[in-house]
Amino acid sequence: MLAWRRELAATQPMSIPDSVLAAIIAGTATLSASFVQLRSALMREAASRSSGVARRRLRLQFIIFIAVIVAAGVCGFALSQWLTSGERAAQSVMQRELQARVAEISRTAGQLELTRGSERAEIESGVLRRIGSDGVVVLATVPACRQPPVPAATAPPTTEAPAAAVPAHACAESDASPVTLCAAIPADSSVTEVALFSRAADSSSPWSTSRYLPGQEFSEARFAASYSESTPEAGTREVCQGFAHWSSDHARIIRMVVRYALPARPEPTQEIALAAPSEHPLPDKTRDSPGTR
């Protein structure tokens, strides 16, 4: 730590201000002149020591010498204060300008942060609106229905022909396990459309030809008659649609597209638009006009 301080002192020598240096030079010159005068007076006193008038003159010169020393000190201090008053005034002006710059930078940073927040919200709203117009897509694959075999001990005897018997693997709608498709949308949005699609798992037909209505039965499958909505939570809510598939021949792929609309953005009020220019008042141009001087 000490070595670091010595190195810093060696690389950055202390500089004496010009005002202090001028005061030192003036004081040194005054004291030198006073000492010269005192020496000459002492030599004259030694030459005429026997005279009483010389003693009184020496005493008077000594008093004058002390007065000159005191006056030199006072004048040196006053000179240093006068020389440094301009520097202190300049430092005060620079400090006020620096504080004004810092306040302006802080105000600009706050306004920039507000602008960024509003722009971010606007961008997010635009993205959500585009997603809502395109639709949130949910896909699922539903396997074929498989009814568990009936045990031989509990199977009732029958006397009908085998051709009239129902196959052991056939399923009814009541045997189908319901499947629910759910899509997450913003909590403040309103659902505009729920499009339902379904096709066989091994089919390559386009989705546009495989659209069905809620509650419509097709190929031993059916969508629920209506969709349901969950309670908003953490800024989102879910739109869910049920589906039942009881075909034992093949699996199916189901698809749901939920389109929604967001509420209109509030327009900025006139008060905010008029309050913004007051933060940066225009300069008073009448001060520089010749007629006002």
C-alpha atoms as a PDB file:
ATOM      1  CA  MET A   1       0.000   0.000   0.000  1.00  0.00           C
ATOM      2  CA  LEU A   2       2.826   2.440   0.912  1.00  0.00           C
ATOM      3  CA  ALA A   3       4.747   1.570  -2.247  1.00  0.00           C
ATOM      4  CA  TRP A   4       1.656   2.333  -4.324  1.00  0.00           C
ATOM      5  CA  ARG A   5       1.311   5.739  -2.666  1.00  0.00           C
ATOM      6  CA  ARG A   6       5.003   6.553  -3.255  1.00  0.00           C
ATOM      7  CA  GLU A   7       4.667   5.603  -6.902  1.00  0.00           C
ATOM      8  CA  LEU A   8       1.542   7.754  -7.268  1.00  0.00           C
ATOM      9  CA  ALA A   9       3.294  10.716  -5.631  1.00  0.00           C
ATOM     10  CA  ALA A  10       6.297  10.265  -7.924  1.00  0.00           C
ATOM     11  CA  THR A  11       4.178  10.109 -11.078  1.00  0.00           C
ATOM     12  CA  GLN A  12       1.927  13.042 -10.031  1.00  0.00           C
ATOM     13  CA  PRO A  13       4.086  15.802  -8.392  1.00  0.00           C
ATOM     14  CA  MET A  14       2.340  18.491  -6.340  1.00  0.00           C
ATOM     15  CA  SER A  15       1.939  21.789  -8.214  1.00  0.00           C
ATOM     16  CA  ILE A  16       1.758  25.184  -6.460  1.00  0.00           C
ATOM     17  CA  PRO A  17      -1.004  27.502  -7.718  1.00  0.00           C
ATOM     18  CA  ASP A  18       0.083  30.743  -9.397  1.00  0.00           C
ATOM     19  CA  SER A  19      -1.684  32.878  -6.809  1.00  0.00           C
ATOM     20  CA  VAL A  20       0.158  31.260  -3.884  1.00  0.00           C
ATOM     21  CA  LEU A  21       3.473  31.504  -5.747  1.00  0.00           C
ATOM     22  CA  ALA A  22       2.918  35.239  -6.420  1.00  0.00           C
ATOM     23  CA  ALA A  23       2.086  35.845  -2.739  1.00  0.00           C
ATOM     24  CA  ILE A  24       5.257  34.003  -1.658  1.00  0.00           C
ATOM     25  CA  ILE A  25       7.419  36.052  -4.045  1.00  0.00           C
ATOM     26  CA  ALA A  26       5.893  39.350  -2.887  1.00  0.00           C
ATOM     27  CA  GLY A  27       6.318  38.470   0.779  1.00  0.00           C
ATOM     28  CA  THR A  28       9.922  37.354   0.263  1.00  0.00           C
ATOM     29  CA  ALA A  29      10.812  40.587  -1.537  1.00  0.00           C
ATOM     30  CA  THR A  30       9.233  42.703   1.202  1.00  0.00           C
ATOM     31  CA  LEU A  31      11.025  40.841   3.983  1.00  0.00           C
ATOM     32  CA  SER A  32      14.353  41.032   2.130  1.00  0.00           C
ATOM     33  CA  ALA A  33      14.039  44.799   1.737  1.00  0.00           C
ATOM     34  CA  SER A  34      13.111  45.167   5.383  1.00  0.00           C
ATOM     35  CA  PHE A  35      16.099  43.117   6.536  1.00  0.00           C
ATOM     36  CA  VAL A  36      18.434  45.248   4.369  1.00  0.00           C
ATOM     37  CA  GLN A  37      17.050  48.412   5.887  1.00  0.00           C
ATOM     38  CA  LEU A  38      17.384  46.970   9.393  1.00  0.00           C
ATOM     39  CA  ARG A  39      21.038  46.062   8.780  1.00  0.00           C
ATOM     40  CA  SER A  40      21.872  49.531   7.564  1.00  0.00           C
ATOM     41  CA  ALA A  41      20.139  51.044  10.560  1.00  0.00           C
ATOM     42  CA  LEU A  42      22.076  48.820  12.967  1.00  0.00           C
ATOM     43  CA  MET A  43      25.345  49.817  11.325  1.00  0.00           C
ATOM     44  CA  ARG A  44      24.499  53.507  11.677  1.00  0.00           C
ATOM     45  CA  GLU A  45      23.576  52.913  15.316  1.00  0.00           C
ATOM     46  CA  ALA A  46      26.922  51.323  16.016  1.00  0.00           C
ATOM     47  CA  ALA A  47      28.648  54.357  14.547  1.00  0.00           C
ATOM     48  CA  SER A  48      26.749  56.772  16.724  1.00  0.00           C
ATOM     49  CA  ARG A  49      25.964  54.727  19.845  1.00  0.00           C
ATOM     50  CA  SER A  50      26.789  57.511  22.231  1.00  0.00           C
ATOM     51  CA  SER A  51      24.110  59.804  20.908  1.00  0.00           C
ATOM     52  CA  GLY A  52      20.604  59.711  22.527  1.00  0.00           C
ATOM     53  CA  VAL A  53      18.978  60.973  19.376  1.00  0.00           C
ATOM     54  CA  ALA A  54      20.358  57.958  17.533  1.00  0.00           C
ATOM     55  CA  ARG A  55      18.739  55.607  20.067  1.00  0.00           C
ATOM     56  CA  ARG A  56      15.368  57.202  19.585  1.00  0.00           C
ATOM     57  CA  ARG A  57      15.819  57.046  15.829  1.00  0.00           C
ATOM     58  CA  LEU A  58      16.790  53.350  16.061  1.00  0.00           C
ATOM     59  CA  ARG A  59      13.726  52.624  18.168  1.00  0.00           C
ATOM     60  CA  LEU A  60      11.553  54.382  15.636  1.00  0.00           C
ATOM     61  CA  GLN A  61      13.106  52.450  12.773  1.00  0.00           C
ATOM     62  CA  PHE A  62      12.546  49.188  14.642  1.00  0.00           C
ATOM     63  CA  ILE A  63       8.860  50.012  15.141  1.00  0.00           C
ATOM     64  CA  ILE A  64       8.591  50.894  11.469  1.00  0.00           C
ATOM     65  CA  PHE A  65      10.260  47.584  10.583  1.00  0.00           C
ATOM     66  CA  ILE A  66       7.745  45.585  12.650  1.00  0.00           C
ATOM     67  CA  ALA A  67       4.908  47.538  11.050  1.00  0.00           C
ATOM     68  CA  VAL A  68       6.296  46.821   7.583  1.00  0.00           C
ATOM     69  CA  ILE A  69       6.487  43.084   8.366  1.00  0.00           C
ATOM     70  CA  VAL A  70       2.877  43.026   9.617  1.00  0.00           C
ATOM     71  CA  ALA A  71       1.704  45.044   6.625  1.00  0.00           C
ATOM     72  CA  ALA A  72       3.576  42.722   4.262  1.00  0.00           C
ATOM     73  CA  GLY A  73       1.846  39.689   5.791  1.00  0.00           C
ATOM     74  CA  VAL A  74      -1.576  41.332   5.577  1.00  0.00           C
ATOM     75  CA  CYS A  75      -0.998  42.478   2.008  1.00  0.00           C
ATOM     76  CA  GLY A  76       0.263  39.027   0.987  1.00  0.00           C
ATOM     77  CA  PHE A  77      -2.811  37.370   2.431  1.00  0.00           C
ATOM     78  CA  ALA A  78      -5.111  39.921   0.770  1.00  0.00           C
ATOM     79  CA  LEU A  79      -3.284  39.483  -2.538  1.00  0.00           C
ATOM     80  CA  SER A  80      -3.647  35.704  -2.398  1.00  0.00           C
ATOM     81  CA  GLN A  81      -7.350  36.019  -1.606  1.00  0.00           C
ATOM     82  CA  TRP A  82      -7.823  38.461  -4.475  1.00  0.00           C
ATOM     83  CA  LEU A  83      -5.962  36.220  -6.911  1.00  0.00           C
ATOM     84  CA  THR A  84      -7.905  33.100  -5.870  1.00  0.00           C
ATOM     85  CA  SER A  85     -11.324  34.802  -5.873  1.00  0.00           C
ATOM     86  CA  GLY A  86     -11.557  34.443  -9.651  1.00  0.00           C
ATOM     87  CA  GLU A  87     -10.687  30.746  -9.436  1.00  0.00           C
ATOM     88  CA  ARG A  88     -13.284  30.202  -6.724  1.00  0.00           C
ATOM     89  CA  ALA A  89     -15.906  31.992  -8.808  1.00  0.00           C
ATOM     90  CA  ALA A  90     -14.969  29.912 -11.863  1.00  0.00           C
ATOM     91  CA  GLN A  91     -15.154  26.724  -9.801  1.00  0.00           C
ATOM     92  CA  SER A  92     -18.574  27.733  -8.470  1.00  0.00           C
ATOM     93  CA  VAL A  93     -19.831  28.394 -12.005  1.00  0.00           C
ATOM     94  CA  MET A  94     -18.428  25.078 -13.229  1.00  0.00           C
ATOM     95  CA  GLN A  95     -20.026  23.270 -10.284  1.00  0.00           C
ATOM     96  CA  ARG A  96     -23.427  24.803 -11.051  1.00  0.00           C
ATOM     97  CA  GLU A  97     -23.090  23.911 -14.730  1.00  0.00           C
ATOM     98  CA  LEU A  98     -22.087  20.365 -13.816  1.00  0.00           C
ATOM     99  CA  GLN A  99     -25.100  20.004 -11.520  1.00  0.00           C
ATOM    100  CA  ALA A 100     -27.356  21.322 -14.281  1.00  0.00           C
ATOM    101  CA  ARG A 101     -25.855  18.832 -16.743  1.00  0.00           C
ATOM    102  CA  VAL A 102     -26.341  15.963 -14.286  1.00  0.00           C
ATOM    103  CA  ALA A 103     -29.969  16.978 -13.697  1.00  0.00           C
ATOM    104  CA  GLU A 104     -30.563  17.206 -17.440  1.00  0.00           C
ATOM    105  CA  ILE A 105     -28.979  13.794 -18.016  1.00  0.00           C
ATOM    106  CA  SER A 106     -31.107  12.267 -15.245  1.00  0.00           C
ATOM    107  CA  ARG A 107     -34.255  13.820 -16.709  1.00  0.00           C
ATOM    108  CA  THR A 108     -33.329  12.593 -20.193  1.00  0.00           C
ATOM    109  CA  ALA A 109     -32.625   9.095 -18.854  1.00  0.00           C
ATOM    110  CA  GLY A 110     -36.030   9.034 -17.155  1.00  0.00           C
ATOM    111  CA  GLN A 111     -37.793  10.166 -20.314  1.00  0.00           C
ATOM    112  CA  LEU A 112     -35.866   7.597 -22.347  1.00  0.00           C
ATOM    113  CA  GLU A 113     -36.871   4.853 -19.919  1.00  0.00           C
ATOM    114  CA  LEU A 114     -40.531   5.876 -20.214  1.00  0.00           C
ATOM    115  CA  THR A 115     -40.228   5.941 -24.000  1.00  0.00           C
ATOM    116  CA  ARG A 116     -38.640   2.497 -24.022  1.00  0.00           C
ATOM    117  CA  GLY A 117     -41.379   1.140 -21.770  1.00  0.00           C
ATOM    118  CA  SER A 118     -44.144   2.540 -23.977  1.00  0.00           C
ATOM    119  CA  GLU A 119     -42.435   1.322 -27.152  1.00  0.00           C
ATOM    120  CA  ARG A 120     -41.921  -2.124 -25.613  1.00  0.00           C
ATOM    121  CA  ALA A 121     -45.589  -2.316 -24.619  1.00  0.00           C
ATOM    122  CA  GLU A 122     -46.602  -1.205 -28.107  1.00  0.00           C
ATOM    123  CA  ILE A 123     -44.373  -3.833 -29.748  1.00  0.00           C
ATOM    124  CA  GLU A 124     -45.689  -6.571 -27.462  1.00  0.00           C
ATOM    125  CA  SER A 125     -49.250  -5.493 -28.177  1.00  0.00           C
ATOM    126  CA  GLY A 126     -48.558  -5.581 -31.918  1.00  0.00           C
ATOM    127  CA  VAL A 127     -47.094  -9.086 -31.688  1.00  0.00           C
ATOM    128  CA  LEU A 128     -50.065 -10.332 -29.663  1.00  0.00           C
ATOM    129  CA  ARG A 129     -52.501  -8.785 -32.144  1.00  0.00           C
ATOM    130  CA  ARG A 130     -50.743 -10.507 -35.049  1.00  0.00           C
ATOM    131  CA  ILE A 131     -50.809 -13.824 -33.196  1.00  0.00           C
ATOM    132  CA  GLY A 132     -54.495 -13.295 -32.459  1.00  0.00           C
ATOM    133  CA  SER A 133     -55.292 -12.644 -36.120  1.00  0.00           C
ATOM    134  CA  ASP A 134     -53.266 -15.670 -37.255  1.00  0.00           C
ATOM    135  CA  GLY A 135     -54.625 -17.886 -34.492  1.00  0.00           C
ATOM    136  CA  VAL A 136     -53.148 -20.042 -31.739  1.00  0.00           C
ATOM    137  CA  VAL A 137     -52.793 -23.614 -33.082  1.00  0.00           C
ATOM    138  CA  VAL A 138     -53.030 -26.729 -30.906  1.00  0.00           C
ATOM    139  CA  LEU A 139     -52.509 -30.281 -32.243  1.00  0.00           C
ATOM    140  CA  ALA A 140     -53.017 -33.712 -30.712  1.00  0.00           C
ATOM    141  CA  THR A 141     -53.058 -37.332 -31.884  1.00  0.00           C
ATOM    142  CA  VAL A 142     -55.839 -39.574 -30.570  1.00  0.00           C
ATOM    143  CA  PRO A 143     -55.266 -43.347 -30.826  1.00  0.00           C
ATOM    144  CA  ALA A 144     -57.919 -45.822 -31.964  1.00  0.00           C
ATOM    145  CA  CYS A 145     -60.392 -47.002 -29.382  1.00  0.00           C
ATOM    146  CA  ARG A 146     -59.618 -50.334 -27.793  1.00  0.00           C
ATOM    147  CA  GLN A 147     -62.339 -51.886 -25.610  1.00  0.00           C
ATOM    148  CA  PRO A 148     -61.031 -54.333 -22.990  1.00  0.00           C
ATOM    149  CA  PRO A 149     -62.038 -57.959 -23.706  1.00  0.00           C
ATOM    150  CA  VAL A 150     -64.949 -59.405 -21.736  1.00  0.00           C
ATOM    151  CA  PRO A 151     -63.959 -62.378 -19.484  1.00  0.00           C
ATOM    152  CA  ALA A 152     -65.308 -65.776 -20.604  1.00  0.00           C
ATOM    153  CA  ALA A 153     -66.855 -66.498 -17.181  1.00  0.00           C
ATOM    154  CA  THR A 154     -69.012 -63.388 -17.269  1.00  0.00           C
ATOM    155  CA  ALA A 155     -69.936 -63.538 -20.981  1.00  0.00           C
ATOM    156  CA  PRO A 156     -73.667 -64.351 -21.302  1.00  0.00           C
ATOM    157  CA  PRO A 157     -74.633 -67.394 -23.436  1.00  0.00           C
ATOM    158  CA  THR A 158     -76.157 -66.621 -26.830  1.00  0.00           C
ATOM    159  CA  THR A 159     -78.081 -68.713 -29.289  1.00  0.00           C
ATOM    160  CA  GLU A 160     -77.907 -66.246 -32.188  1.00  0.00           C
ATOM    161  CA  ALA A 161     -75.841 -66.787 -35.286  1.00  0.00           C
ATOM    162  CA  PRO A 162     -72.193 -65.609 -35.153  1.00  0.00           C
ATOM    163  CA  ALA A 163     -72.795 -63.202 -38.041  1.00  0.00           C
ATOM    164  CA  ALA A 164     -75.268 -61.186 -35.992  1.00  0.00           C
ATOM    165  CA  ALA A 165     -72.912 -60.871 -32.985  1.00  0.00           C
ATOM    166  CA  VAL A 166     -71.149 -57.521 -32.269  1.00  0.00           C
ATOM    167  CA  PRO A 167     -67.352 -57.790 -32.649  1.00  0.00           C
ATOM    168  CA  ALA A 168     -65.479 -57.964 -29.373  1.00  0.00           C
ATOM    169  CA  HIS A 169     -63.256 -54.941 -30.246  1.00  0.00           C
ATOM    170  CA  ALA A 170     -66.020 -52.491 -31.287  1.00  0.00           C
ATOM    171  CA  CYS A 171     -66.472 -49.309 -29.199  1.00  0.00           C
ATOM    172  CA  ALA A 172     -69.454 -47.067 -28.621  1.00  0.00           C
ATOM    173  CA  GLU A 173     -69.410 -43.305 -28.029  1.00  0.00           C
ATOM    174  CA  SER A 174     -69.888 -43.911 -24.333  1.00  0.00           C
ATOM    175  CA  ASP A 175     -66.697 -46.010 -24.289  1.00  0.00           C
ATOM    176  CA  ALA A 176     -64.515 -43.260 -25.783  1.00  0.00           C
ATOM    177  CA  SER A 177     -62.050 -41.462 -23.518  1.00  0.00           C
ATOM    178  CA  PRO A 178     -62.545 -37.690 -23.935  1.00  0.00           C
ATOM    179  CA  VAL A 179     -59.605 -35.556 -25.056  1.00  0.00           C
ATOM    180  CA  THR A 180     -59.369 -31.830 -24.344  1.00  0.00           C
ATOM    181  CA  LEU A 181     -57.428 -29.304 -26.423  1.00  0.00           C
ATOM    182  CA  CYS A 182     -56.464 -26.054 -24.666  1.00  0.00           C
ATOM    183  CA  ALA A 183     -54.907 -22.872 -26.072  1.00  0.00           C
ATOM    184  CA  ALA A 184     -53.546 -20.003 -23.951  1.00  0.00           C
ATOM    185  CA  ILE A 185     -54.567 -16.455 -24.934  1.00  0.00           C
ATOM    186  CA  PRO A 186     -54.165 -13.030 -23.209  1.00  0.00           C
ATOM    187  CA  ALA A 187     -56.476 -12.451 -20.280  1.00  0.00           C
ATOM    188  CA  ASP A 188     -57.937  -9.205 -21.659  1.00  0.00           C
ATOM    189  CA  SER A 189     -58.656 -10.620 -25.123  1.00  0.00           C
ATOM    190  CA  SER A 190     -61.966 -11.766 -26.566  1.00  0.00           C
ATOM    191  CA  VAL A 191     -62.360 -14.961 -28.610  1.00  0.00           C
ATOM    192  CA  THR A 192     -63.459 -14.270 -32.179  1.00  0.00           C
ATOM    193  CA  GLU A 193     -63.283 -17.775 -33.669  1.00  0.00           C
ATOM    194  CA  VAL A 194     -62.533 -21.372 -32.705  1.00  0.00           C
ATOM    195  CA  ALA A 195     -61.846 -23.494 -35.821  1.00  0.00           C
ATOM    196  CA  LEU A 196     -61.866 -27.299 -35.442  1.00  0.00           C
ATOM    197  CA  PHE A 197     -60.136 -29.780 -37.764  1.00  0.00           C
ATOM    198  CA  SER A 198     -59.654 -33.538 -37.786  1.00  0.00           C
ATOM    199  CA  ARG A 199     -58.260 -36.151 -40.184  1.00  0.00           C
ATOM    200  CA  ALA A 200     -56.961 -39.699 -40.051  1.00  0.00           C
ATOM    201  CA  ALA A 201     -53.426 -40.126 -38.812  1.00  0.00           C
ATOM    202  CA  ASP A 202     -52.332 -41.718 -42.100  1.00  0.00           C
ATOM    203  CA  SER A 203     -54.095 -39.111 -44.265  1.00  0.00           C
ATOM    204  CA  SER A 204     -52.311 -36.335 -46.147  1.00  0.00           C
ATOM    205  CA  SER A 205     -55.368 -34.277 -47.075  1.00  0.00           C
ATOM    206  CA  PRO A 206     -55.120 -30.509 -46.404  1.00  0.00           C
ATOM    207  CA  TRP A 207     -56.563 -29.113 -43.220  1.00  0.00           C
ATOM    208  CA  SER A 208     -58.869 -26.825 -45.173  1.00  0.00           C
ATOM    209  CA  THR A 209     -60.891 -29.875 -46.310  1.00  0.00           C
ATOM    210  CA  SER A 210     -61.004 -31.434 -42.832  1.00  0.00           C
ATOM    211  CA  ARG A 211     -62.837 -28.738 -40.892  1.00  0.00           C
ATOM    212  CA  TYR A 212     -65.870 -29.664 -38.758  1.00  0.00           C
ATOM    213  CA  LEU A 213     -68.421 -27.841 -36.655  1.00  0.00           C
ATOM    214  CA  PRO A 214     -68.785 -28.185 -32.887  1.00  0.00           C
ATOM    215  CA  GLY A 215     -71.094 -31.105 -32.030  1.00  0.00           C
ATOM    216  CA  GLN A 216     -70.899 -32.551 -35.571  1.00  0.00           C
ATOM    217  CA  GLU A 217     -70.355 -36.344 -35.750  1.00  0.00           C
ATOM    218  CA  PHE A 218     -67.898 -37.663 -38.358  1.00  0.00           C
ATOM    219  CA  SER A 219     -66.087 -40.999 -38.765  1.00  0.00           C
ATOM    220  CA  GLU A 220     -67.038 -42.168 -35.253  1.00  0.00           C
ATOM    221  CA  ALA A 221     -65.737 -38.961 -33.684  1.00  0.00           C
ATOM    222  CA  ARG A 222     -67.222 -35.744 -32.437  1.00  0.00           C
ATOM    223  CA  PHE A 223     -66.110 -32.370 -31.069  1.00  0.00           C
ATOM    224  CA  ALA A 224     -67.911 -30.950 -28.056  1.00  0.00           C
ATOM    225  CA  ALA A 225     -70.828 -28.645 -28.765  1.00  0.00           C
ATOM    226  CA  SER A 226     -69.054 -25.583 -27.292  1.00  0.00           C
ATOM    227  CA  TYR A 227     -65.712 -24.540 -25.925  1.00  0.00           C
ATOM    228  CA  SER A 228     -64.955 -23.476 -22.364  1.00  0.00           C
ATOM    229  CA  GLU A 229     -62.793 -20.698 -20.936  1.00  0.00           C
ATOM    230  CA  SER A 230     -60.764 -20.798 -17.735  1.00  0.00           C
ATOM    231  CA  THR A 231     -60.349 -18.049 -15.149  1.00  0.00           C
ATOM    232  CA  PRO A 232     -57.589 -15.524 -16.035  1.00  0.00           C
ATOM    233  CA  GLU A 233     -54.359 -16.217 -14.194  1.00  0.00           C
ATOM    234  CA  ALA A 234     -50.929 -14.568 -14.566  1.00  0.00           C
ATOM    235  CA  GLY A 235     -52.114 -12.499 -17.530  1.00  0.00           C
ATOM    236  CA  THR A 236     -53.469 -15.441 -19.572  1.00  0.00           C
ATOM    237  CA  ARG A 237     -56.501 -17.687 -19.780  1.00  0.00           C
ATOM    238  CA  GLU A 238     -57.209 -20.957 -21.568  1.00  0.00           C
ATOM    239  CA  VAL A 239     -59.757 -21.797 -24.234  1.00  0.00           C
ATOM    240  CA  CYS A 240     -60.504 -25.545 -24.183  1.00  0.00           C
ATOM    241  CA  GLN A 241     -62.450 -27.787 -26.594  1.00  0.00           C
ATOM    242  CA  GLY A 242     -63.447 -31.412 -25.898  1.00  0.00           C
ATOM    243  CA  PHE A 243     -63.186 -34.269 -28.402  1.00  0.00           C
ATOM    244  CA  ALA A 244     -64.353 -37.893 -28.357  1.00  0.00           C
ATOM    245  CA  HIS A 245     -63.109 -40.658 -30.686  1.00  0.00           C
ATOM    246  CA  TRP A 246     -64.538 -44.168 -30.550  1.00  0.00           C
ATOM    247  CA  SER A 247     -63.377 -45.595 -33.862  1.00  0.00           C
ATOM    248  CA  SER A 248     -61.358 -48.801 -33.494  1.00  0.00           C
ATOM    249  CA  ASP A 249     -60.052 -48.733 -37.087  1.00  0.00           C
ATOM    250  CA  HIS A 250     -57.525 -45.894 -37.076  1.00  0.00           C
ATOM    251  CA  ALA A 251     -56.103 -43.028 -35.040  1.00  0.00           C
ATOM    252  CA  ARG A 252     -56.940 -39.407 -35.731  1.00  0.00           C
ATOM    253  CA  ILE A 253     -55.124 -36.078 -35.596  1.00  0.00           C
ATOM    254  CA  ILE A 254     -57.159 -33.198 -34.226  1.00  0.00           C
ATOM    255  CA  ARG A 255     -56.346 -29.516 -34.624  1.00  0.00           C
ATOM    256  CA  MET A 256     -57.796 -26.400 -33.013  1.00  0.00           C
ATOM    257  CA  VAL A 257     -57.147 -22.794 -34.088  1.00  0.00           C
ATOM    258  CA  VAL A 258     -58.211 -20.061 -31.642  1.00  0.00           C
ATOM    259  CA  ARG A 259     -58.359 -16.495 -32.937  1.00  0.00           C
ATOM    260  CA  TYR A 260     -58.835 -13.567 -30.577  1.00  0.00           C
ATOM    261  CA  ALA A 261     -58.913  -9.761 -30.550  1.00  0.00           C
ATOM    262  CA  LEU A 262     -57.317  -7.356 -28.077  1.00  0.00           C
ATOM    263  CA  PRO A 263     -59.075  -4.196 -26.838  1.00  0.00           C
ATOM    264  CA  ALA A 264     -58.225  -0.957 -28.632  1.00  0.00           C
ATOM    265  CA  ARG A 265     -55.258   0.986 -27.299  1.00  0.00           C
ATOM    266  CA  PRO A 266     -56.215   4.228 -25.515  1.00  0.00           C
ATOM    267  CA  GLU A 267     -55.262   7.350 -27.444  1.00  0.00           C
ATOM    268  CA  PRO A 268     -52.945   9.846 -25.658  1.00  0.00           C
ATOM    269  CA  THR A 269     -54.842  12.745 -24.099  1.00  0.00           C
ATOM    270  CA  GLN A 270     -54.329  16.357 -25.087  1.00  0.00           C
ATOM    271  CA  GLU A 271     -53.020  17.271 -21.620  1.00  0.00           C
ATOM    272  CA  ILE A 272     -50.004  14.978 -21.924  1.00  0.00           C
ATOM    273  CA  ALA A 273     -49.209  16.275 -25.399  1.00  0.00           C
ATOM    274  CA  LEU A 274     -49.287  19.889 -24.195  1.00  0.00           C
ATOM    275  CA  ALA A 275     -47.365  19.260 -20.989  1.00  0.00           C
ATOM    276  CA  ALA A 276     -44.317  17.818 -22.703  1.00  0.00           C
ATOM    277  CA  PRO A 277     -42.919  21.081 -24.209  1.00  0.00           C
ATOM    278  CA  SER A 278     -42.962  22.809 -20.792  1.00  0.00           C
ATOM    279  CA  GLU A 279     -40.116  20.586 -19.613  1.00  0.00           C
ATOM    280  CA  HIS A 280     -37.754  22.368 -22.060  1.00  0.00           C
ATOM    281  CA  PRO A 281     -38.737  26.079 -22.184  1.00  0.00           C
ATOM    282  CA  LEU A 282     -37.688  28.039 -25.254  1.00  0.00           C
ATOM    283  CA  PRO A 283     -34.933  30.662 -24.800  1.00  0.00           C
ATOM    284  CA  ASP A 284     -35.987  34.273 -24.361  1.00  0.00           C
ATOM    285  CA  LYS A 285     -34.980  35.847 -27.661  1.00  0.00           C
ATOM    286  CA  THR A 286     -35.960  39.368 -26.496  1.00  0.00           C
ATOM    287  CA  ARG A 287     -32.820  39.568 -24.369  1.00  0.00           C
ATOM    288  CA  ASP A 288     -30.559  39.769 -27.438  1.00  0.00           C
ATOM    289  CA  SER A 289     -32.731  42.081 -29.497  1.00  0.00           C
ATOM    290  CA  PRO A 290     -31.362  45.643 -29.921  1.00  0.00           C
ATOM    291  CA  GLY A 291     -34.636  47.221 -28.834  1.00  0.00           C
ATOM    292  CA  THR A 292     -34.548  45.748 -25.314  1.00  0.00           C
ATOM    293  CA  ARG A 293     -31.021  46.760 -24.387  1.00  0.00           C
END
